[in-house]
Amino acid sequence: MTRMKMKTIRQFNETDLKDRLGQLRSELTKLRIESSKGTLKKESGKLKPLRRDIARMLTRLNEMKKQ
């Protein structure tokens, strides 16, 4: 999965953002479970960018609410 830039996130509408946010959160949960079991090897570098992508999407959703 590639990191998302704020420029591309701004192109999504609210429903698309919420759907994508749900997907990213489920993937993050899966990676955290694998990490706690100790089976996370190759994908250990995906946790931080995934958390940041989620934060970017939440920021954009909050911007939409304020408008």
PDB file of N, CA and C in Angstrom:
ATOM      1  N   MET A   1       0.841  -1.173   0.000  1.00  0.00           N
ATOM      2  CA  MET A   1       0.000   0.000   0.000  1.00  0.00           C
ATOM      3  C   MET A   1       0.889   1.241   0.000  1.00  0.00           C
ATOM      4  N   THR A   2       0.555   2.187  -0.830  1.00  0.00           N
ATOM      5  CA  THR A   2       1.348   3.400  -0.915  1.00  0.00           C
ATOM      6  C   THR A   2       0.848   4.435   0.063  1.00  0.00           C
ATOM      7  N   ARG A   3       1.744   5.300   0.460  1.00  0.00           N
ATOM      8  CA  ARG A   3       1.360   6.381   1.354  1.00  0.00           C
ATOM      9  C   ARG A   3       0.519   7.377   0.579  1.00  0.00           C
ATOM     10  N   MET A   4      -0.461   7.925   1.251  1.00  0.00           N
ATOM     11  CA  MET A   4      -1.355   8.866   0.588  1.00  0.00           C
ATOM     12  C   MET A   4      -0.944  10.288   0.930  1.00  0.00           C
ATOM     13  N   LYS A   5      -0.922  11.115  -0.064  1.00  0.00           N
ATOM     14  CA  LYS A   5      -0.621  12.520   0.134  1.00  0.00           C
ATOM     15  C   LYS A   5      -1.920  13.270   0.402  1.00  0.00           C
ATOM     16  N   MET A   6      -1.797  14.388   1.057  1.00  0.00           N
ATOM     17  CA  MET A   6      -2.979  15.186   1.386  1.00  0.00           C
ATOM     18  C   MET A   6      -3.676  15.664   0.115  1.00  0.00           C
ATOM     19  N   LYS A   7      -2.910  15.874  -0.944  1.00  0.00           N
ATOM     20  CA  LYS A   7      -3.484  16.320  -2.216  1.00  0.00           C
ATOM     21  C   LYS A   7      -4.473  15.284  -2.753  1.00  0.00           C
ATOM     22  N   THR A   8      -4.140  14.005  -2.658  1.00  0.00           N
ATOM     23  CA  THR A   8      -5.046  12.969  -3.146  1.00  0.00           C
ATOM     24  C   THR A   8      -6.211  12.753  -2.188  1.00  0.00           C
ATOM     25  N   ILE A   9      -5.962  12.931  -0.898  1.00  0.00           N
ATOM     26  CA  ILE A   9      -7.033  12.759   0.083  1.00  0.00           C
ATOM     27  C   ILE A   9      -8.102  13.831  -0.104  1.00  0.00           C
ATOM     28  N   ARG A  10      -7.693  15.033  -0.469  1.00  0.00           N
ATOM     29  CA  ARG A  10      -8.648  16.131  -0.672  1.00  0.00           C
ATOM     30  C   ARG A  10      -9.583  15.879  -1.856  1.00  0.00           C
ATOM     31  N   GLN A  11      -9.233  14.982  -2.753  1.00  0.00           N
ATOM     32  CA  GLN A  11     -10.075  14.691  -3.913  1.00  0.00           C
ATOM     33  C   GLN A  11     -11.234  13.759  -3.573  1.00  0.00           C
ATOM     34  N   PHE A  12     -11.152  13.045  -2.454  1.00  0.00           N
ATOM     35  CA  PHE A  12     -12.206  12.116  -2.058  1.00  0.00           C
ATOM     36  C   PHE A  12     -13.382  12.863  -1.443  1.00  0.00           C
ATOM     37  N   ASN A  13     -14.581  12.308  -1.614  1.00  0.00           N
ATOM     38  CA  ASN A  13     -15.722  12.870  -0.899  1.00  0.00           C
ATOM     39  C   ASN A  13     -15.832  12.169   0.463  1.00  0.00           C
ATOM     40  N   GLU A  14     -16.801  12.577   1.247  1.00  0.00           N
ATOM     41  CA  GLU A  14     -16.889  12.114   2.633  1.00  0.00           C
ATOM     42  C   GLU A  14     -17.130  10.604   2.743  1.00  0.00           C
ATOM     43  N   THR A  15     -18.003  10.069   1.904  1.00  0.00           N
ATOM     44  CA  THR A  15     -18.292   8.636   1.998  1.00  0.00           C
ATOM     45  C   THR A  15     -17.088   7.792   1.586  1.00  0.00           C
ATOM     46  N   ASP A  16     -16.373   8.235   0.551  1.00  0.00           N
ATOM     47  CA  ASP A  16     -15.169   7.508   0.134  1.00  0.00           C
ATOM     48  C   ASP A  16     -14.108   7.538   1.230  1.00  0.00           C
ATOM     49  N   LEU A  17     -13.969   8.690   1.878  1.00  0.00           N
ATOM     50  CA  LEU A  17     -12.998   8.799   2.965  1.00  0.00           C
ATOM     51  C   LEU A  17     -13.342   7.860   4.121  1.00  0.00           C
ATOM     52  N   LYS A  18     -14.619   7.790   4.462  1.00  0.00           N
ATOM     53  CA  LYS A  18     -15.025   6.927   5.569  1.00  0.00           C
ATOM     54  C   LYS A  18     -14.814   5.454   5.232  1.00  0.00           C
ATOM     55  N   ASP A  19     -15.096   5.072   3.990  1.00  0.00           N
ATOM     56  CA  ASP A  19     -14.857   3.693   3.561  1.00  0.00           C
ATOM     57  C   ASP A  19     -13.368   3.354   3.612  1.00  0.00           C
ATOM     58  N   ARG A  20     -12.568   4.232   3.070  1.00  0.00           N
ATOM     59  CA  ARG A  20     -11.112   4.019   3.051  1.00  0.00           C
ATOM     60  C   ARG A  20     -10.547   3.995   4.463  1.00  0.00           C
ATOM     61  N   LEU A  21     -11.082   4.844   5.323  1.00  0.00           N
ATOM     62  CA  LEU A  21     -10.638   4.891   6.717  1.00  0.00           C
ATOM     63  C   LEU A  21     -10.933   3.570   7.426  1.00  0.00           C
ATOM     64  N   GLY A  22     -12.084   3.005   7.163  1.00  0.00           N
ATOM     65  CA  GLY A  22     -12.421   1.710   7.736  1.00  0.00           C
ATOM     66  C   GLY A  22     -11.479   0.613   7.267  1.00  0.00           C
ATOM     67  N   GLN A  23     -11.122   0.635   5.990  1.00  0.00           N
ATOM     68  CA  GLN A  23     -10.183  -0.349   5.455  1.00  0.00           C
ATOM     69  C   GLN A  23      -8.812  -0.223   6.105  1.00  0.00           C
ATOM     70  N   LEU A  24      -8.343   1.023   6.235  1.00  0.00           N
ATOM     71  CA  LEU A  24      -7.026   1.240   6.827  1.00  0.00           C
ATOM     72  C   LEU A  24      -7.000   0.841   8.292  1.00  0.00           C
ATOM     73  N   ARG A  25      -8.078   1.137   9.003  1.00  0.00           N
ATOM     74  CA  ARG A  25      -8.132   0.756  10.416  1.00  0.00           C
ATOM     75  C   ARG A  25      -8.129  -0.754  10.591  1.00  0.00           C
ATOM     76  N   SER A  26      -8.835  -1.476   9.727  1.00  0.00           N
ATOM     77  CA  SER A  26      -8.831  -2.934   9.834  1.00  0.00           C
ATOM     78  C   SER A  26      -7.457  -3.501   9.499  1.00  0.00           C
ATOM     79  N   GLU A  27      -6.786  -2.903   8.526  1.00  0.00           N
ATOM     80  CA  GLU A  27      -5.434  -3.351   8.191  1.00  0.00           C
ATOM     81  C   GLU A  27      -4.464  -3.067   9.335  1.00  0.00           C
ATOM     82  N   LEU A  28      -4.615  -1.905   9.969  1.00  0.00           N
ATOM     83  CA  LEU A  28      -3.769  -1.564  11.108  1.00  0.00           C
ATOM     84  C   LEU A  28      -3.993  -2.539  12.260  1.00  0.00           C
ATOM     85  N   THR A  29      -5.233  -2.899  12.493  1.00  0.00           N
ATOM     86  CA  THR A  29      -5.545  -3.867  13.548  1.00  0.00           C
ATOM     87  C   THR A  29      -4.889  -5.206  13.253  1.00  0.00           C
ATOM     88  N   LYS A  30      -4.969  -5.635  12.002  1.00  0.00           N
ATOM     89  CA  LYS A  30      -4.355  -6.900  11.597  1.00  0.00           C
ATOM     90  C   LYS A  30      -2.846  -6.869  11.812  1.00  0.00           C
ATOM     91  N   LEU A  31      -2.209  -5.761  11.421  1.00  0.00           N
ATOM     92  CA  LEU A  31      -0.766  -5.646  11.594  1.00  0.00           C
ATOM     93  C   LEU A  31      -0.374  -5.603  13.067  1.00  0.00           C
ATOM     94  N   ARG A  32      -1.173  -4.944  13.884  1.00  0.00           N
ATOM     95  CA  ARG A  32      -0.874  -4.882  15.317  1.00  0.00           C
ATOM     96  C   ARG A  32      -0.991  -6.253  15.972  1.00  0.00           C
ATOM     97  N   ILE A  33      -1.961  -7.033  15.539  1.00  0.00           N
ATOM     98  CA  ILE A  33      -2.117  -8.389  16.076  1.00  0.00           C
ATOM     99  C   ILE A  33      -0.910  -9.239  15.692  1.00  0.00           C
ATOM    100  N   GLU A  34      -0.498  -9.151  14.424  1.00  0.00           N
ATOM    101  CA  GLU A  34       0.678  -9.899  13.989  1.00  0.00           C
ATOM    102  C   GLU A  34       1.920  -9.452  14.742  1.00  0.00           C
ATOM    103  N   SER A  35       2.023  -8.165  15.006  1.00  0.00           N
ATOM    104  CA  SER A  35       3.165  -7.637  15.740  1.00  0.00           C
ATOM    105  C   SER A  35       3.202  -8.165  17.168  1.00  0.00           C
ATOM    106  N   SER A  36       2.046  -8.237  17.802  1.00  0.00           N
ATOM    107  CA  SER A  36       2.012  -8.716  19.182  1.00  0.00           C
ATOM    108  C   SER A  36       2.306 -10.215  19.255  1.00  0.00           C
ATOM    109  N   LYS A  37       1.962 -10.959  18.195  1.00  0.00           N
ATOM    110  CA  LYS A  37       2.271 -12.389  18.155  1.00  0.00           C
ATOM    111  C   LYS A  37       3.733 -12.642  17.811  1.00  0.00           C
ATOM    112  N   GLY A  38       4.373 -11.648  17.224  1.00  0.00           N
ATOM    113  CA  GLY A  38       5.764 -11.793  16.837  1.00  0.00           C
ATOM    114  C   GLY A  38       5.953 -12.354  15.447  1.00  0.00           C
ATOM    115  N   THR A  39       4.901 -12.384  14.653  1.00  0.00           N
ATOM    116  CA  THR A  39       4.994 -12.926  13.297  1.00  0.00           C
ATOM    117  C   THR A  39       5.135 -11.833  12.242  1.00  0.00           C
ATOM    118  N   LEU A  40       5.264 -10.603  12.667  1.00  0.00           N
ATOM    119  CA  LEU A  40       5.378  -9.477  11.730  1.00  0.00           C
ATOM    120  C   LEU A  40       6.851  -9.277  11.380  1.00  0.00           C
ATOM    121  N   LYS A  41       7.231  -9.626  10.183  1.00  0.00           N
ATOM    122  CA  LYS A  41       8.636  -9.522   9.778  1.00  0.00           C
ATOM    123  C   LYS A  41       8.829  -8.450   8.716  1.00  0.00           C
ATOM    124  N   LYS A  42       8.374  -8.725   7.509  1.00  0.00           N
ATOM    125  CA  LYS A  42       8.612  -7.832   6.381  1.00  0.00           C
ATOM    126  C   LYS A  42       7.803  -6.547   6.475  1.00  0.00           C
ATOM    127  N   GLU A  43       6.648  -6.594   7.106  1.00  0.00           N
ATOM    128  CA  GLU A  43       5.735  -5.461   7.103  1.00  0.00           C
ATOM    129  C   GLU A  43       5.873  -4.581   8.343  1.00  0.00           C
ATOM    130  N   SER A  44       6.959  -4.704   9.080  1.00  0.00           N
ATOM    131  CA  SER A  44       7.100  -3.925  10.305  1.00  0.00           C
ATOM    132  C   SER A  44       7.200  -2.424  10.020  1.00  0.00           C
ATOM    133  N   GLY A  45       7.643  -2.054   8.844  1.00  0.00           N
ATOM    134  CA  GLY A  45       7.754  -0.651   8.484  1.00  0.00           C
ATOM    135  C   GLY A  45       6.456  -0.045   7.979  1.00  0.00           C
ATOM    136  N   LYS A  46       5.378  -0.801   7.967  1.00  0.00           N
ATOM    137  CA  LYS A  46       4.110  -0.290   7.456  1.00  0.00           C
ATOM    138  C   LYS A  46       3.232   0.315   8.547  1.00  0.00           C
ATOM    139  N   LEU A  47       3.562   0.077   9.798  1.00  0.00           N
ATOM    140  CA  LEU A  47       2.708   0.561  10.879  1.00  0.00           C
ATOM    141  C   LEU A  47       2.672   2.086  10.961  1.00  0.00           C
ATOM    142  N   LYS A  48       3.830   2.705  10.980  1.00  0.00           N
ATOM    143  CA  LYS A  48       3.887   4.156  11.135  1.00  0.00           C
ATOM    144  C   LYS A  48       3.241   4.906   9.963  1.00  0.00           C
ATOM    145  N   PRO A  49       3.562   4.566   8.702  1.00  0.00           N
ATOM    146  CA  PRO A  49       2.887   5.259   7.592  1.00  0.00           C
ATOM    147  C   PRO A  49       1.372   5.039   7.585  1.00  0.00           C
ATOM    148  N   LEU A  50       0.947   3.859   8.012  1.00  0.00           N
ATOM    149  CA  LEU A  50      -0.482   3.568   8.056  1.00  0.00           C
ATOM    150  C   LEU A  50      -1.180   4.446   9.092  1.00  0.00           C
ATOM    151  N   ARG A  51      -0.549   4.603  10.244  1.00  0.00           N
ATOM    152  CA  ARG A  51      -1.122   5.482  11.275  1.00  0.00           C
ATOM    153  C   ARG A  51      -1.184   6.921  10.786  1.00  0.00           C
ATOM    154  N   ARG A  52      -0.181   7.338  10.064  1.00  0.00           N
ATOM    155  CA  ARG A  52      -0.164   8.718   9.553  1.00  0.00           C
ATOM    156  C   ARG A  52      -1.219   8.933   8.477  1.00  0.00           C
ATOM    157  N   ASP A  53      -1.433   7.932   7.629  1.00  0.00           N
ATOM    158  CA  ASP A  53      -2.490   8.040   6.625  1.00  0.00           C
ATOM    159  C   ASP A  53      -3.855   8.163   7.293  1.00  0.00           C
ATOM    160  N   ILE A  54      -4.072   7.393   8.357  1.00  0.00           N
ATOM    161  CA  ILE A  54      -5.335   7.467   9.095  1.00  0.00           C
ATOM    162  C   ILE A  54      -5.499   8.863   9.681  1.00  0.00           C
ATOM    163  N   ALA A  55      -4.426   9.411  10.236  1.00  0.00           N
ATOM    164  CA  ALA A  55      -4.487  10.759  10.810  1.00  0.00           C
ATOM    165  C   ALA A  55      -4.797  11.805   9.742  1.00  0.00           C
ATOM    166  N   ARG A  56      -4.220  11.651   8.562  1.00  0.00           N
ATOM    167  CA  ARG A  56      -4.504  12.592   7.470  1.00  0.00           C
ATOM    168  C   ARG A  56      -5.977  12.553   7.072  1.00  0.00           C
ATOM    169  N   MET A  57      -6.521  11.352   7.011  1.00  0.00           N
ATOM    170  CA  MET A  57      -7.933  11.223   6.633  1.00  0.00           C
ATOM    171  C   MET A  57      -8.851  11.803   7.703  1.00  0.00           C
ATOM    172  N   LEU A  58      -8.511  11.575   8.959  1.00  0.00           N
ATOM    173  CA  LEU A  58      -9.318  12.151  10.036  1.00  0.00           C
ATOM    174  C   LEU A  58      -9.240  13.674  10.025  1.00  0.00           C
ATOM    175  N   THR A  59      -8.071  14.196   9.704  1.00  0.00           N
ATOM    176  CA  THR A  59      -7.915  15.646   9.601  1.00  0.00           C
ATOM    177  C   THR A  59      -8.804  16.199   8.499  1.00  0.00           C
ATOM    178  N   ARG A  60      -8.813  15.524   7.358  1.00  0.00           N
ATOM    179  CA  ARG A  60      -9.645  15.980   6.240  1.00  0.00           C
ATOM    180  C   ARG A  60     -11.126  15.891   6.581  1.00  0.00           C
ATOM    181  N   LEU A  61     -11.550  14.834   7.275  1.00  0.00           N
ATOM    182  CA  LEU A  61     -12.957  14.720   7.675  1.00  0.00           C
ATOM    183  C   LEU A  61     -13.343  15.859   8.620  1.00  0.00           C
ATOM    184  N   ASN A  62     -12.452  16.205   9.532  1.00  0.00           N
ATOM    185  CA  ASN A  62     -12.739  17.319  10.437  1.00  0.00           C
ATOM    186  C   ASN A  62     -12.796  18.643   9.684  1.00  0.00           C
ATOM    187  N   GLU A  63     -11.952  18.804   8.666  1.00  0.00           N
ATOM    188  CA  GLU A  63     -12.018  20.015   7.850  1.00  0.00           C
ATOM    189  C   GLU A  63     -13.362  20.103   7.134  1.00  0.00           C
ATOM    190  N   MET A  64     -13.847  18.979   6.648  1.00  0.00           N
ATOM    191  CA  MET A  64     -15.130  18.969   5.940  1.00  0.00           C
ATOM    192  C   MET A  64     -16.271  19.333   6.882  1.00  0.00           C
ATOM    193  N   LYS A  65     -16.209  18.888   8.116  1.00  0.00           N
ATOM    194  CA  LYS A  65     -17.262  19.185   9.083  1.00  0.00           C
ATOM    195  C   LYS A  65     -17.320  20.671   9.420  1.00  0.00           C
ATOM    196  N   LYS A  66     -16.166  21.317   9.457  1.00  0.00           N
ATOM    197  CA  LYS A  66     -16.112  22.724   9.820  1.00  0.00           C
ATOM    198  C   LYS A  66     -16.605  23.639   8.704  1.00  0.00           C
ATOM    199  N   GLN A  67     -16.603  23.154   7.487  1.00  0.00           N
ATOM    200  CA  GLN A  67     -17.034  24.004   6.363  1.00  0.00           C
ATOM    201  C   GLN A  67     -18.518  24.104   6.271  1.00  0.00           C
TER     202      GLN A  67
END
